[in-house]
Amino acid sequence: MDDPECIGGAIFVKKTKIKDTDNIVYLYKFDEQNFKLKEGDQAYDVTSDLSFGKITKIDEIKDDENYIELTISSKRISKVGEPPKLFDFGPGRVVDTGAIRRALELFIETYAEGNK
């Protein structure tokens, strides 16, 4: 993925349960790339179009050894499933397009029926 907004091709390394919480940390490794994501952003996978908690840590060590960590609750996992093994981190949806789509469909139907 060649997008300066994203961290593409992050490969799953391990998961760790945080003691005394229902949170689980997933660690991913990625090659060096330019990106605008930061710790605290949502962990949004652009491929599956799902959000998996929050980005809690980004370590840029060297070209082929960089790590990104996301934290997700067990409750969220039961809703969306476990994060993918190959994660394409992105900024998430900017706008929920559902309302816009419905309004446009209504406008087209009304216009087509001659009710301008």
Protein backbone atom coordinates (compact mmCIF):
# COMPACT_ATOMS: atom_id res chain seq x y z
CA MET A 1 0.00 0.00 0.00
CA ASP A 2 1.53 3.29 -1.10
CA ASP A 3 -0.40 5.90 0.86
CA PRO A 4 1.22 8.49 3.15
CA GLU A 5 -1.82 8.32 5.44
CA CYS A 6 -1.38 4.60 6.11
CA ILE A 7 0.94 1.92 7.47
CA GLY A 8 0.51 -0.87 4.97
CA GLY A 9 1.48 -4.51 5.15
CA ALA A 10 1.92 -4.76 8.92
CA ILE A 11 2.48 -8.42 9.85
CA PHE A 12 1.14 -9.89 13.09
CA VAL A 13 3.85 -10.81 15.62
CA LYS A 14 2.10 -11.63 18.91
CA LYS A 15 -0.84 -10.89 21.18
CA THR A 16 -0.69 -10.26 24.91
CA LYS A 17 -3.53 -10.08 27.43
CA ILE A 18 -3.22 -7.09 29.76
CA LYS A 19 -3.47 -8.36 33.33
CA ASP A 20 -6.55 -7.36 35.35
CA THR A 21 -8.34 -5.87 32.29
CA ASP A 22 -10.34 -7.19 29.37
CA ASN A 23 -7.87 -5.60 26.93
CA ILE A 24 -5.57 -7.43 24.54
CA VAL A 25 -2.50 -5.95 22.85
CA TYR A 26 -1.63 -6.99 19.28
CA LEU A 27 1.89 -6.33 18.02
CA TYR A 28 2.64 -5.94 14.29
CA LYS A 29 5.90 -5.49 12.39
CA PHE A 30 6.18 -3.25 9.32
CA ASP A 31 8.82 -2.03 6.89
CA GLU A 32 9.92 1.59 6.88
CA GLN A 33 7.41 3.91 5.24
CA ASN A 34 6.12 7.44 5.53
CA PHE A 35 2.86 7.73 7.45
CA LYS A 36 0.77 10.23 9.36
CA LEU A 37 -0.79 7.88 11.91
CA LYS A 38 0.12 8.44 15.53
CA GLU A 39 -0.35 6.84 18.92
CA GLY A 40 -3.93 7.33 20.11
CA ASP A 41 -5.45 7.08 16.60
CA GLN A 42 -8.00 4.37 15.96
CA ALA A 43 -6.61 1.08 14.67
CA TYR A 44 -8.59 1.02 11.44
CA ASP A 45 -7.93 -1.69 8.84
CA VAL A 46 -8.63 -0.23 5.40
CA THR A 47 -8.86 -3.69 3.80
CA SER A 48 -11.62 -5.05 6.04
CA ASP A 49 -13.15 -1.58 6.65
CA LEU A 50 -13.23 -2.23 10.42
CA SER A 51 -11.87 -0.48 13.49
CA PHE A 52 -9.96 -2.61 16.01
CA GLY A 53 -9.39 -0.42 19.06
CA LYS A 54 -6.59 2.13 19.37
CA ILE A 55 -2.97 2.44 18.26
CA THR A 56 -1.10 2.46 21.56
CA LYS A 57 2.53 2.45 20.42
CA ILE A 58 4.65 2.96 17.31
CA ASP A 59 8.37 2.09 17.40
CA GLU A 60 10.48 3.05 14.38
CA ILE A 61 13.76 1.20 14.86
CA LYS A 62 15.28 0.64 11.41
CA ASP A 63 14.27 -0.02 7.79
CA ASP A 64 12.94 -3.54 8.26
CA GLU A 65 12.22 -3.54 11.99
CA ASN A 66 9.41 -1.19 12.94
CA TYR A 67 6.53 -2.05 15.24
CA ILE A 68 2.99 -0.86 15.79
CA GLU A 69 0.85 -1.95 18.69
CA LEU A 70 -2.92 -1.82 19.00
CA THR A 71 -5.08 -2.39 22.05
CA ILE A 72 -8.57 -3.82 21.75
CA SER A 73 -11.11 -4.91 24.33
CA SER A 74 -12.49 -8.45 24.48
CA LYS A 75 -15.95 -6.92 24.00
CA ARG A 76 -14.84 -5.33 20.70
CA ILE A 77 -13.27 -8.61 19.56
CA SER A 78 -16.57 -10.41 20.17
CA LYS A 79 -18.26 -7.80 17.95
CA VAL A 80 -15.81 -7.54 15.01
CA GLY A 81 -13.53 -10.56 15.48
CA GLU A 82 -9.78 -10.64 15.94
CA PRO A 83 -7.61 -8.22 13.97
CA PRO A 84 -6.24 -9.63 10.70
CA LYS A 85 -2.77 -11.20 10.47
CA LEU A 86 -1.90 -8.72 7.70
CA PHE A 87 -3.10 -5.28 8.80
CA ASP A 88 -3.27 -2.15 6.63
CA PHE A 89 -3.56 0.66 9.18
CA GLY A 90 -5.37 3.73 7.90
CA PRO A 91 -7.05 6.88 9.16
CA GLY A 92 -10.55 5.39 9.14
CA ARG A 93 -13.69 6.79 7.67
CA VAL A 94 -13.73 10.54 7.51
CA VAL A 95 -17.49 10.79 6.95
CA ASP A 96 -20.26 8.25 7.37
CA THR A 97 -21.57 8.23 3.81
CA GLY A 98 -24.79 6.35 4.63
CA ALA A 99 -26.85 9.50 5.28
CA ILE A 100 -25.48 11.19 2.17
CA ARG A 101 -26.27 8.14 0.04
CA ARG A 102 -29.84 7.93 1.36
CA ALA A 103 -30.44 11.65 0.74
CA LEU A 104 -29.11 11.36 -2.81
CA GLU A 105 -31.29 8.31 -3.52
CA LEU A 106 -34.37 10.16 -2.21
CA PHE A 107 -33.54 13.19 -4.36
CA ILE A 108 -33.14 11.05 -7.49
CA GLU A 109 -36.39 9.17 -6.86
CA THR A 110 -38.30 12.40 -6.23
CA TYR A 111 -36.81 14.05 -9.31
CA ALA A 112 -37.50 10.99 -11.49
CA GLU A 113 -41.15 11.03 -10.39
CA GLY A 114 -41.43 14.66 -11.49
CA ASN A 115 -41.82 16.11 -7.99
CA LYS A 116 -39.22 18.82 -8.34
